[in-house]
Amino acid sequence: MNPSMQKRLAILGAVLSAALFVAANIHLITVALRSQSGCVVPAPDKPPARRVC
């Protein structure tokens, strides 16, 4: 394998790793925002987290 091919593979690997990292973080944020729990009954002396509850 010649040096230019190694350089291309290294760059491709770095780009794919960065893309995977970004995609995983986007997925984490998406799941975190979608999985907010519904309304729960708060303690009598505390107001609910959202006004619609």
PDB file of N, CA and C in Angstrom:
ATOM      1  N   MET A   1       0.860  -1.167   0.000  1.00  0.00           N
ATOM      2  CA  MET A   1       0.000   0.000   0.000  1.00  0.00           C
ATOM      3  C   MET A   1       0.906   1.231   0.000  1.00  0.00           C
ATOM      4  N   ASN A   2       0.653   2.139  -0.911  1.00  0.00           N
ATOM      5  CA  ASN A   2       1.508   3.315  -1.007  1.00  0.00           C
ATOM      6  C   ASN A   2       1.079   4.397  -0.003  1.00  0.00           C
ATOM      7  N   PRO A   3       1.934   5.369   0.257  1.00  0.00           N
ATOM      8  CA  PRO A   3       1.643   6.387   1.264  1.00  0.00           C
ATOM      9  C   PRO A   3       0.396   7.234   0.963  1.00  0.00           C
ATOM     10  N   SER A   4       0.144   7.509  -0.314  1.00  0.00           N
ATOM     11  CA  SER A   4      -1.040   8.326  -0.621  1.00  0.00           C
ATOM     12  C   SER A   4      -2.324   7.559  -0.303  1.00  0.00           C
ATOM     13  N   MET A   5      -2.317   6.256  -0.525  1.00  0.00           N
ATOM     14  CA  MET A   5      -3.493   5.442  -0.195  1.00  0.00           C
ATOM     15  C   MET A   5      -3.677   5.381   1.325  1.00  0.00           C
ATOM     16  N   GLN A   6      -2.603   5.251   2.068  1.00  0.00           N
ATOM     17  CA  GLN A   6      -2.691   5.244   3.527  1.00  0.00           C
ATOM     18  C   GLN A   6      -3.248   6.578   4.039  1.00  0.00           C
ATOM     19  N   LYS A   7      -2.800   7.672   3.429  1.00  0.00           N
ATOM     20  CA  LYS A   7      -3.277   8.989   3.839  1.00  0.00           C
ATOM     21  C   LYS A   7      -4.776   9.119   3.574  1.00  0.00           C
ATOM     22  N   ARG A   8      -5.226   8.648   2.412  1.00  0.00           N
ATOM     23  CA  ARG A   8      -6.651   8.707   2.086  1.00  0.00           C
ATOM     24  C   ARG A   8      -7.479   7.863   3.052  1.00  0.00           C
ATOM     25  N   LEU A   9      -6.991   6.685   3.380  1.00  0.00           N
ATOM     26  CA  LEU A   9      -7.709   5.823   4.324  1.00  0.00           C
ATOM     27  C   LEU A   9      -7.749   6.437   5.717  1.00  0.00           C
ATOM     28  N   ALA A  10      -6.660   7.073   6.127  1.00  0.00           N
ATOM     29  CA  ALA A  10      -6.624   7.718   7.441  1.00  0.00           C
ATOM     30  C   ALA A  10      -7.610   8.882   7.493  1.00  0.00           C
ATOM     31  N   ILE A  11      -7.664   9.676   6.436  1.00  0.00           N
ATOM     32  CA  ILE A  11      -8.603  10.794   6.390  1.00  0.00           C
ATOM     33  C   ILE A  11     -10.036  10.280   6.363  1.00  0.00           C
ATOM     34  N   LEU A  12     -10.288   9.253   5.573  1.00  0.00           N
ATOM     35  CA  LEU A  12     -11.620   8.665   5.515  1.00  0.00           C
ATOM     36  C   LEU A  12     -12.036   8.120   6.887  1.00  0.00           C
ATOM     37  N   GLY A  13     -11.119   7.452   7.564  1.00  0.00           N
ATOM     38  CA  GLY A  13     -11.419   6.933   8.896  1.00  0.00           C
ATOM     39  C   GLY A  13     -11.718   8.039   9.887  1.00  0.00           C
ATOM     40  N   ALA A  14     -10.960   9.134   9.815  1.00  0.00           N
ATOM     41  CA  ALA A  14     -11.203  10.260  10.713  1.00  0.00           C
ATOM     42  C   ALA A  14     -12.551  10.916  10.428  1.00  0.00           C
ATOM     43  N   VAL A  15     -12.892  11.071   9.161  1.00  0.00           N
ATOM     44  CA  VAL A  15     -14.174  11.676   8.797  1.00  0.00           C
ATOM     45  C   VAL A  15     -15.329  10.778   9.235  1.00  0.00           C
ATOM     46  N   LEU A  16     -15.202   9.488   9.021  1.00  0.00           N
ATOM     47  CA  LEU A  16     -16.261   8.562   9.444  1.00  0.00           C
ATOM     48  C   LEU A  16     -16.409   8.534  10.965  1.00  0.00           C
ATOM     49  N   SER A  17     -15.306   8.590  11.675  1.00  0.00           N
ATOM     50  CA  SER A  17     -15.367   8.624  13.142  1.00  0.00           C
ATOM     51  C   SER A  17     -16.045   9.891  13.633  1.00  0.00           C
ATOM     52  N   ALA A  18     -15.709  11.021  13.036  1.00  0.00           N
ATOM     53  CA  ALA A  18     -16.334  12.283  13.429  1.00  0.00           C
ATOM     54  C   ALA A  18     -17.826  12.262  13.104  1.00  0.00           C
ATOM     55  N   ALA A  19     -18.206  11.721  11.948  1.00  0.00           N
ATOM     56  CA  ALA A  19     -19.615  11.643  11.572  1.00  0.00           C
ATOM     57  C   ALA A  19     -20.384  10.736  12.530  1.00  0.00           C
ATOM     58  N   LEU A  20     -19.788   9.638  12.919  1.00  0.00           N
ATOM     59  CA  LEU A  20     -20.431   8.732  13.876  1.00  0.00           C
ATOM     60  C   LEU A  20     -20.610   9.408  15.228  1.00  0.00           C
ATOM     61  N   PHE A  21     -19.619  10.150  15.665  1.00  0.00           N
ATOM     62  CA  PHE A  21     -19.686  10.872  16.937  1.00  0.00           C
ATOM     63  C   PHE A  21     -20.807  11.910  16.907  1.00  0.00           C
ATOM     64  N   VAL A  22     -20.900  12.671  15.823  1.00  0.00           N
ATOM     65  CA  VAL A  22     -21.945  13.690  15.698  1.00  0.00           C
ATOM     66  C   VAL A  22     -23.317  13.035  15.639  1.00  0.00           C
ATOM     67  N   ALA A  23     -23.445  11.954  14.887  1.00  0.00           N
ATOM     68  CA  ALA A  23     -24.731  11.265  14.779  1.00  0.00           C
ATOM     69  C   ALA A  23     -25.167  10.695  16.129  1.00  0.00           C
ATOM     70  N   ALA A  24     -24.242  10.164  16.885  1.00  0.00           N
ATOM     71  CA  ALA A  24     -24.584   9.617  18.199  1.00  0.00           C
ATOM     72  C   ALA A  24     -25.049  10.726  19.144  1.00  0.00           C
ATOM     73  N   ASN A  25     -24.413  11.876  19.082  1.00  0.00           N
ATOM     74  CA  ASN A  25     -24.827  12.986  19.943  1.00  0.00           C
ATOM     75  C   ASN A  25     -26.190  13.529  19.538  1.00  0.00           C
ATOM     76  N   ILE A  26     -26.449  13.604  18.246  1.00  0.00           N
ATOM     77  CA  ILE A  26     -27.764  14.050  17.791  1.00  0.00           C
ATOM     78  C   ILE A  26     -28.835  13.069  18.249  1.00  0.00           C
ATOM     79  N   HIS A  27     -28.537  11.788  18.155  1.00  0.00           N
ATOM     80  CA  HIS A  27     -29.489  10.771  18.618  1.00  0.00           C
ATOM     81  C   HIS A  27     -29.726  10.907  20.123  1.00  0.00           C
ATOM     82  N   LEU A  28     -28.674  11.133  20.881  1.00  0.00           N
ATOM     83  CA  LEU A  28     -28.804  11.287  22.334  1.00  0.00           C
ATOM     84  C   LEU A  28     -29.690  12.476  22.679  1.00  0.00           C
ATOM     85  N   ILE A  29     -29.487  13.592  22.008  1.00  0.00           N
ATOM     86  CA  ILE A  29     -30.297  14.779  22.274  1.00  0.00           C
ATOM     87  C   ILE A  29     -31.745  14.543  21.877  1.00  0.00           C
ATOM     88  N   THR A  30     -31.964  13.904  20.737  1.00  0.00           N
ATOM     89  CA  THR A  30     -33.320  13.618  20.271  1.00  0.00           C
ATOM     90  C   THR A  30     -34.061  12.715  21.251  1.00  0.00           C
ATOM     91  N   VAL A  31     -33.417  11.676  21.704  1.00  0.00           N
ATOM     92  CA  VAL A  31     -34.048  10.751  22.655  1.00  0.00           C
ATOM     93  C   VAL A  31     -34.320  11.451  23.980  1.00  0.00           C
ATOM     94  N   ALA A  32     -33.403  12.284  24.421  1.00  0.00           N
ATOM     95  CA  ALA A  32     -33.596  12.991  25.685  1.00  0.00           C
ATOM     96  C   ALA A  32     -34.784  13.946  25.612  1.00  0.00           C
ATOM     97  N   LEU A  33     -34.951  14.623  24.483  1.00  0.00           N
ATOM     98  CA  LEU A  33     -36.057  15.558  24.362  1.00  0.00           C
ATOM     99  C   LEU A  33     -37.391  14.852  24.192  1.00  0.00           C
ATOM    100  N   ARG A  34     -37.403  13.706  23.550  1.00  0.00           N
ATOM    101  CA  ARG A  34     -38.660  12.981  23.333  1.00  0.00           C
ATOM    102  C   ARG A  34     -39.111  12.173  24.549  1.00  0.00           C
ATOM    103  N   SER A  35     -38.222  11.861  25.451  1.00  0.00           N
ATOM    104  CA  SER A  35     -38.569  10.960  26.550  1.00  0.00           C
ATOM    105  C   SER A  35     -38.891  11.696  27.839  1.00  0.00           C
ATOM    106  N   GLN A  36     -39.340  12.921  27.734  1.00  0.00           N
ATOM    107  CA  GLN A  36     -39.732  13.638  28.940  1.00  0.00           C
ATOM    108  C   GLN A  36     -40.983  12.983  29.512  1.00  0.00           C
ATOM    109  N   SER A  37     -40.971  12.816  30.796  1.00  0.00           N
ATOM    110  CA  SER A  37     -42.095  12.120  31.426  1.00  0.00           C
ATOM    111  C   SER A  37     -43.344  12.995  31.403  1.00  0.00           C
ATOM    112  N   GLY A  38     -44.461  12.327  31.511  1.00  0.00           N
ATOM    113  CA  GLY A  38     -45.734  13.034  31.530  1.00  0.00           C
ATOM    114  C   GLY A  38     -45.961  13.706  32.871  1.00  0.00           C
ATOM    115  N   CYS A  39     -47.136  14.190  33.050  1.00  0.00           N
ATOM    116  CA  CYS A  39     -47.476  14.869  34.293  1.00  0.00           C
ATOM    117  C   CYS A  39     -47.574  13.858  35.434  1.00  0.00           C
ATOM    118  N   VAL A  40     -47.011  14.221  36.551  1.00  0.00           N
ATOM    119  CA  VAL A  40     -47.118  13.414  37.763  1.00  0.00           C
ATOM    120  C   VAL A  40     -47.704  14.292  38.851  1.00  0.00           C
ATOM    121  N   VAL A  41     -48.312  13.676  39.826  1.00  0.00           N
ATOM    122  CA  VAL A  41     -48.904  14.428  40.924  1.00  0.00           C
ATOM    123  C   VAL A  41     -47.772  14.895  41.841  1.00  0.00           C
ATOM    124  N   PRO A  42     -47.598  16.210  41.975  1.00  0.00           N
ATOM    125  CA  PRO A  42     -46.521  16.708  42.833  1.00  0.00           C
ATOM    126  C   PRO A  42     -46.926  16.657  44.291  1.00  0.00           C
ATOM    127  N   ALA A  43     -45.975  16.936  45.127  1.00  0.00           N
ATOM    128  CA  ALA A  43     -46.266  17.034  46.555  1.00  0.00           C
ATOM    129  C   ALA A  43     -47.216  18.211  46.771  1.00  0.00           C
ATOM    130  N   PRO A  44     -48.041  18.155  47.805  1.00  0.00           N
ATOM    131  CA  PRO A  44     -49.044  19.216  48.016  1.00  0.00           C
ATOM    132  C   PRO A  44     -48.440  20.617  48.145  1.00  0.00           C
ATOM    133  N   ASP A  45     -47.242  20.731  48.663  1.00  0.00           N
ATOM    134  CA  ASP A  45     -46.650  22.056  48.869  1.00  0.00           C
ATOM    135  C   ASP A  45     -45.802  22.529  47.690  1.00  0.00           C
ATOM    136  N   LYS A  46     -45.736  21.739  46.600  1.00  0.00           N
ATOM    137  CA  LYS A  46     -44.921  22.119  45.445  1.00  0.00           C
ATOM    138  C   LYS A  46     -45.793  22.196  44.193  1.00  0.00           C
ATOM    139  N   PRO A  47     -45.553  23.190  43.358  1.00  0.00           N
ATOM    140  CA  PRO A  47     -46.334  23.301  42.123  1.00  0.00           C
ATOM    141  C   PRO A  47     -45.823  22.293  41.081  1.00  0.00           C
ATOM    142  N   PRO A  48     -46.642  21.967  40.085  1.00  0.00           N
ATOM    143  CA  PRO A  48     -46.185  21.045  39.028  1.00  0.00           C
ATOM    144  C   PRO A  48     -45.098  21.683  38.181  1.00  0.00           C
ATOM    145  N   ALA A  49     -44.326  20.865  37.507  1.00  0.00           N
ATOM    146  CA  ALA A  49     -43.217  21.370  36.683  1.00  0.00           C
ATOM    147  C   ALA A  49     -43.722  22.165  35.496  1.00  0.00           C
ATOM    148  N   ARG A  50     -44.861  21.746  34.940  1.00  0.00           N
ATOM    149  CA  ARG A  50     -45.457  22.465  33.803  1.00  0.00           C
ATOM    150  C   ARG A  50     -46.834  22.973  34.206  1.00  0.00           C
ATOM    151  N   ARG A  51     -47.221  24.085  33.652  1.00  0.00           N
ATOM    152  CA  ARG A  51     -48.515  24.663  34.004  1.00  0.00           C
ATOM    153  C   ARG A  51     -49.686  23.832  33.491  1.00  0.00           C
ATOM    154  N   VAL A  52     -49.490  23.056  32.433  1.00  0.00           N
ATOM    155  CA  VAL A  52     -50.596  22.286  31.868  1.00  0.00           C
ATOM    156  C   VAL A  52     -50.942  21.066  32.714  1.00  0.00           C
ATOM    157  N   CYS A  53     -50.155  20.753  33.676  1.00  0.00           N
ATOM    158  CA  CYS A  53     -50.410  19.564  34.507  1.00  0.00           C
ATOM    159  C   CYS A  53     -51.465  19.845  35.557  1.00  0.00           C
TER     160      CYS A  53
END
